[in-house]
PDB file of N, CA and C in Angstrom:
ATOM      1  N   MET A   1     -63.223 175.423 -83.652  1.00  0.00           N
ATOM      2  CA  MET A   1     -62.685 174.311 -84.455  1.00  0.00           C
ATOM      3  C   MET A   1     -63.312 172.914 -83.929  1.00  0.00           C
ATOM      4  N   THR A   2     -63.787 172.247 -84.607  1.00  0.00           N
ATOM      5  CA  THR A   2     -64.001 170.815 -84.114  1.00  0.00           C
ATOM      6  C   THR A   2     -62.959 169.798 -84.390  1.00  0.00           C
ATOM      7  N   TYR A   3     -62.937 168.832 -83.415  1.00  0.00           N
ATOM      8  CA  TYR A   3     -62.108 167.678 -83.454  1.00  0.00           C
ATOM      9  C   TYR A   3     -62.516 166.499 -84.458  1.00  0.00           C
ATOM     10  N   GLN A   4     -61.442 166.280 -85.354  1.00  0.00           N
ATOM     11  CA  GLN A   4     -61.960 165.024 -86.243  1.00  0.00           C
ATOM     12  C   GLN A   4     -60.556 164.283 -86.418  1.00  0.00           C
ATOM     13  N   VAL A   5     -60.943 162.936 -86.162  1.00  0.00           N
ATOM     14  CA  VAL A   5     -59.895 162.137 -86.141  1.00  0.00           C
ATOM     15  C   VAL A   5     -59.283 162.012 -87.746  1.00  0.00           C
ATOM     16  N   LEU A   6     -57.923 161.963 -87.628  1.00  0.00           N
ATOM     17  CA  LEU A   6     -57.236 161.958 -88.920  1.00  0.00           C
ATOM     18  C   LEU A   6     -57.527 161.011 -89.927  1.00  0.00           C
ATOM     19  N   ALA A   7     -57.871 159.646 -89.488  1.00  0.00           N
ATOM     20  CA  ALA A   7     -58.274 158.901 -90.602  1.00  0.00           C
ATOM     21  C   ALA A   7     -59.652 159.101 -91.105  1.00  0.00           C
ATOM     22  N   ARG A   8     -60.589 159.985 -90.553  1.00  0.00           N
ATOM     23  CA  ARG A   8     -61.631 160.276 -91.221  1.00  0.00           C
ATOM     24  C   ARG A   8     -61.577 161.639 -92.004  1.00  0.00           C
ATOM     25  N   LYS A   9     -60.847 162.633 -91.388  1.00  0.00           N
ATOM     26  CA  LYS A   9     -60.418 163.656 -92.416  1.00  0.00           C
ATOM     27  C   LYS A   9     -59.961 163.484 -93.703  1.00  0.00           C
ATOM     28  N   TRP A  10     -58.835 162.544 -93.859  1.00  0.00           N
ATOM     29  CA  TRP A  10     -58.156 162.212 -94.917  1.00  0.00           C
ATOM     30  C   TRP A  10     -58.547 161.003 -95.749  1.00  0.00           C
ATOM     31  N   ARG A  11     -59.575 160.397 -95.231  1.00  0.00           N
ATOM     32  CA  ARG A  11     -60.222 159.278 -95.857  1.00  0.00           C
ATOM     33  C   ARG A  11     -60.608 159.489 -97.541  1.00  0.00           C
ATOM     34  N   PRO A  12     -60.199 158.759 -98.272  1.00  0.00           N
ATOM     35  CA  PRO A  12     -60.646 158.852 -99.548  1.00  0.00           C
ATOM     36  C   PRO A  12     -61.997 158.948 -99.875  1.00  0.00           C
ATOM     37  N   ARG A  13     -62.514 159.807-100.772  1.00  0.00           N
ATOM     38  CA  ARG A  13     -63.963 159.854-100.946  1.00  0.00           C
ATOM     39  C   ARG A  13     -64.474 159.244-102.320  1.00  0.00           C
ATOM     40  N   ASN A  14     -63.655 158.755-103.061  1.00  0.00           N
ATOM     41  CA  ASN A  14     -63.942 158.152-104.255  1.00  0.00           C
ATOM     42  C   ASN A  14     -62.763 157.201-104.737  1.00  0.00           C
ATOM     43  N   PHE A  15     -62.868 156.129-105.797  1.00  0.00           N
ATOM     44  CA  PHE A  15     -62.041 155.171-106.061  1.00  0.00           C
ATOM     45  C   PHE A  15     -60.726 155.848-106.451  1.00  0.00           C
ATOM     46  N   GLU A  16     -60.944 156.982-107.413  1.00  0.00           N
ATOM     47  CA  GLU A  16     -59.845 157.616-107.728  1.00  0.00           C
ATOM     48  C   GLU A  16     -58.884 158.163-106.665  1.00  0.00           C
ATOM     49  N   GLU A  17     -59.129 158.377-105.775  1.00  0.00           N
ATOM     50  CA  GLU A  17     -58.363 158.774-104.575  1.00  0.00           C
ATOM     51  C   GLU A  17     -57.607 157.713-103.653  1.00  0.00           C
ATOM     52  N   MET A  18     -58.167 156.498-103.861  1.00  0.00           N
ATOM     53  CA  MET A  18     -57.666 155.401-103.208  1.00  0.00           C
ATOM     54  C   MET A  18     -56.040 154.995-103.746  1.00  0.00           C
ATOM     55  N   VAL A  19     -55.120 154.703-102.791  1.00  0.00           N
ATOM     56  CA  VAL A  19     -53.757 154.311-103.041  1.00  0.00           C
ATOM     57  C   VAL A  19     -53.642 152.900-102.565  1.00  0.00           C
ATOM     58  N   GLY A  20     -53.086 152.250-103.222  1.00  0.00           N
ATOM     59  CA  GLY A  20     -52.772 150.901-103.109  1.00  0.00           C
ATOM     60  C   GLY A  20     -54.224 150.011-103.291  1.00  0.00           C
ATOM     61  N   GLN A  21     -54.225 148.540-102.884  1.00  0.00           N
ATOM     62  CA  GLN A  21     -55.377 147.678-103.308  1.00  0.00           C
ATOM     63  C   GLN A  21     -55.910 147.702-104.480  1.00  0.00           C
ATOM     64  N   GLU A  22     -54.926 147.785-105.591  1.00  0.00           N
ATOM     65  CA  GLU A  22     -55.340 147.858-106.774  1.00  0.00           C
ATOM     66  C   GLU A  22     -56.212 146.691-107.246  1.00  0.00           C
ATOM     67  N   HIS A  23     -55.874 145.413-106.789  1.00  0.00           N
ATOM     68  CA  HIS A  23     -56.978 144.256-107.206  1.00  0.00           C
ATOM     69  C   HIS A  23     -58.298 144.245-106.395  1.00  0.00           C
ATOM     70  N   VAL A  24     -58.418 144.806-105.094  1.00  0.00           N
ATOM     71  CA  VAL A  24     -59.806 144.926-104.581  1.00  0.00           C
ATOM     72  C   VAL A  24     -60.653 146.190-105.550  1.00  0.00           C
ATOM     73  N   LEU A  25     -59.801 147.200-105.622  1.00  0.00           N
ATOM     74  CA  LEU A  25     -60.449 148.272-106.514  1.00  0.00           C
ATOM     75  C   LEU A  25     -61.042 147.842-107.686  1.00  0.00           C
ATOM     76  N   ARG A  26     -60.123 147.129-108.654  1.00  0.00           N
ATOM     77  CA  ARG A  26     -60.604 146.349-109.747  1.00  0.00           C
ATOM     78  C   ARG A  26     -61.717 145.635-109.652  1.00  0.00           C
ATOM     79  N   ALA A  27     -61.791 144.717-108.822  1.00  0.00           N
ATOM     80  CA  ALA A  27     -62.929 143.992-108.590  1.00  0.00           C
ATOM     81  C   ALA A  27     -64.225 144.494-108.207  1.00  0.00           C
ATOM     82  N   LEU A  28     -64.067 145.710-107.379  1.00  0.00           N
ATOM     83  CA  LEU A  28     -65.388 146.399-106.872  1.00  0.00           C
ATOM     84  C   LEU A  28     -65.852 147.375-108.148  1.00  0.00           C
ATOM     85  N   ILE A  29     -64.947 147.882-108.865  1.00  0.00           N
ATOM     86  CA  ILE A  29     -65.271 148.594-109.917  1.00  0.00           C
ATOM     87  C   ILE A  29     -66.048 148.032-111.113  1.00  0.00           C
ATOM     88  N   ASN A  30     -65.447 146.768-111.475  1.00  0.00           N
ATOM     89  CA  ASN A  30     -66.030 145.972-112.436  1.00  0.00           C
ATOM     90  C   ASN A  30     -67.230 145.524-111.961  1.00  0.00           C
ATOM     91  N   ALA A  31     -67.583 145.269-110.748  1.00  0.00           N
ATOM     92  CA  ALA A  31     -68.821 144.612-110.205  1.00  0.00           C
ATOM     93  C   ALA A  31     -69.841 145.898-110.561  1.00  0.00           C
ATOM     94  N   LEU A  32     -69.496 146.926-110.136  1.00  0.00           N
ATOM     95  CA  LEU A  32     -70.380 148.145-110.072  1.00  0.00           C
ATOM     96  C   LEU A  32     -70.693 148.512-111.580  1.00  0.00           C
ATOM     97  N   ASP A  33     -69.596 148.389-112.505  1.00  0.00           N
ATOM     98  CA  ASP A  33     -69.924 148.775-113.855  1.00  0.00           C
ATOM     99  C   ASP A  33     -70.833 147.640-114.511  1.00  0.00           C
ATOM    100  N   ASN A  34     -70.649 146.540-114.136  1.00  0.00           N
ATOM    101  CA  ASN A  34     -71.563 145.516-114.862  1.00  0.00           C
ATOM    102  C   ASN A  34     -72.888 145.222-114.155  1.00  0.00           C
ATOM    103  N   ASP A  35     -72.945 145.810-113.046  1.00  0.00           N
ATOM    104  CA  ASP A  35     -74.432 145.807-112.315  1.00  0.00           C
ATOM    105  C   ASP A  35     -74.338 144.464-111.770  1.00  0.00           C
ATOM    106  N   ARG A  36     -73.413 144.026-111.147  1.00  0.00           N
ATOM    107  CA  ARG A  36     -73.247 142.616-110.848  1.00  0.00           C
ATOM    108  C   ARG A  36     -72.720 142.697-109.314  1.00  0.00           C
ATOM    109  N   LEU A  37     -73.529 143.507-108.436  1.00  0.00           N
ATOM    110  CA  LEU A  37     -73.061 143.521-106.881  1.00  0.00           C
ATOM    111  C   LEU A  37     -73.651 142.133-106.174  1.00  0.00           C
ATOM    112  N   HIS A  38     -72.701 141.663-105.492  1.00  0.00           N
ATOM    113  CA  HIS A  38     -73.048 140.684-104.576  1.00  0.00           C
ATOM    114  C   HIS A  38     -73.818 141.144-103.221  1.00  0.00           C
ATOM    115  N   HIS A  39     -74.394 140.215-102.590  1.00  0.00           N
ATOM    116  CA  HIS A  39     -75.105 140.377-101.308  1.00  0.00           C
ATOM    117  C   HIS A  39     -74.184 140.988-100.257  1.00  0.00           C
ATOM    118  N   ALA A  40     -72.864 140.604-100.256  1.00  0.00           N
ATOM    119  CA  ALA A  40     -71.955 140.868 -99.374  1.00  0.00           C
ATOM    120  C   ALA A  40     -70.686 140.990 -99.741  1.00  0.00           C
ATOM    121  N   PHE A  41     -69.787 141.610 -99.248  1.00  0.00           N
ATOM    122  CA  PHE A  41     -68.309 141.674 -99.616  1.00  0.00           C
ATOM    123  C   PHE A  41     -67.780 141.431 -98.201  1.00  0.00           C
ATOM    124  N   LEU A  42     -66.498 140.408 -98.144  1.00  0.00           N
ATOM    125  CA  LEU A  42     -65.830 139.980 -96.869  1.00  0.00           C
ATOM    126  C   LEU A  42     -64.378 140.752 -96.953  1.00  0.00           C
ATOM    127  N   PHE A  43     -64.116 141.873 -96.116  1.00  0.00           N
ATOM    128  CA  PHE A  43     -62.719 142.633 -96.209  1.00  0.00           C
ATOM    129  C   PHE A  43     -62.132 141.936 -95.098  1.00  0.00           C
ATOM    130  N   THR A  44     -60.825 141.325 -95.308  1.00  0.00           N
ATOM    131  CA  THR A  44     -60.270 140.687 -94.006  1.00  0.00           C
ATOM    132  C   THR A  44     -58.729 141.491 -94.237  1.00  0.00           C
ATOM    133  N   GLY A  45     -57.888 141.492 -92.965  1.00  0.00           N
ATOM    134  CA  GLY A  45     -56.517 142.059 -93.137  1.00  0.00           C
ATOM    135  C   GLY A  45     -56.318 142.519 -91.774  1.00  0.00           C
ATOM    136  N   THR A  46     -55.081 142.962 -91.664  1.00  0.00           N
ATOM    137  CA  THR A  46     -54.673 143.472 -90.269  1.00  0.00           C
ATOM    138  C   THR A  46     -55.123 145.032 -90.029  1.00  0.00           C
ATOM    139  N   ARG A  47     -54.906 145.551 -88.893  1.00  0.00           N
ATOM    140  CA  ARG A  47     -55.288 147.140 -88.808  1.00  0.00           C
ATOM    141  C   ARG A  47     -54.581 147.980 -89.852  1.00  0.00           C
ATOM    142  N   GLY A  48     -55.198 148.848 -90.430  1.00  0.00           N
ATOM    143  CA  GLY A  48     -54.576 149.984 -91.315  1.00  0.00           C
ATOM    144  C   GLY A  48     -54.453 149.438 -92.711  1.00  0.00           C
ATOM    145  N   VAL A  49     -54.963 148.600 -93.245  1.00  0.00           N
ATOM    146  CA  VAL A  49     -55.056 148.162 -94.513  1.00  0.00           C
ATOM    147  C   VAL A  49     -56.041 148.837 -95.361  1.00  0.00           C
ATOM    148  N   GLY A  50     -56.935 149.300 -94.941  1.00  0.00           N
ATOM    149  CA  GLY A  50     -58.077 150.073 -95.574  1.00  0.00           C
ATOM    150  C   GLY A  50     -59.342 149.333 -95.903  1.00  0.00           C
ATOM    151  N   LYS A  51     -59.604 148.484 -95.026  1.00  0.00           N
ATOM    152  CA  LYS A  51     -60.824 147.638 -95.031  1.00  0.00           C
ATOM    153  C   LYS A  51     -62.205 148.665 -94.779  1.00  0.00           C
ATOM    154  N   THR A  52     -62.174 149.509 -93.900  1.00  0.00           N
ATOM    155  CA  THR A  52     -63.372 150.487 -93.423  1.00  0.00           C
ATOM    156  C   THR A  52     -63.490 151.380 -94.680  1.00  0.00           C
ATOM    157  N   THR A  53     -62.321 151.819 -95.169  1.00  0.00           N
ATOM    158  CA  THR A  53     -62.114 152.869 -96.071  1.00  0.00           C
ATOM    159  C   THR A  53     -62.801 152.577 -97.367  1.00  0.00           C
ATOM    160  N   ILE A  54     -62.349 151.303 -97.920  1.00  0.00           N
ATOM    161  CA  ILE A  54     -62.968 150.857 -99.280  1.00  0.00           C
ATOM    162  C   ILE A  54     -64.414 150.465 -98.903  1.00  0.00           C
ATOM    163  N   ALA A  55     -64.861 149.996 -97.777  1.00  0.00           N
ATOM    164  CA  ALA A  55     -66.077 149.536 -97.621  1.00  0.00           C
ATOM    165  C   ALA A  55     -66.854 150.769 -97.709  1.00  0.00           C
ATOM    166  N   ARG A  56     -66.624 151.973 -97.277  1.00  0.00           N
ATOM    167  CA  ARG A  56     -67.303 153.164 -97.248  1.00  0.00           C
ATOM    168  C   ARG A  56     -67.559 153.740 -98.943  1.00  0.00           C
TER     169      ARG A  56
END
């Protein structure tokens, strides 16, 4: 059995699995749907709020 960090093992794989951060999800989904992606997005916040998860 291989060791895997819990944060990676249970990380959501798509937008439907995300919990919380509805305003961020809505902005990203609208950008994807309208084909208006920006060069970069800046995610800020304290540890554990989902910055890396939503970026992936």
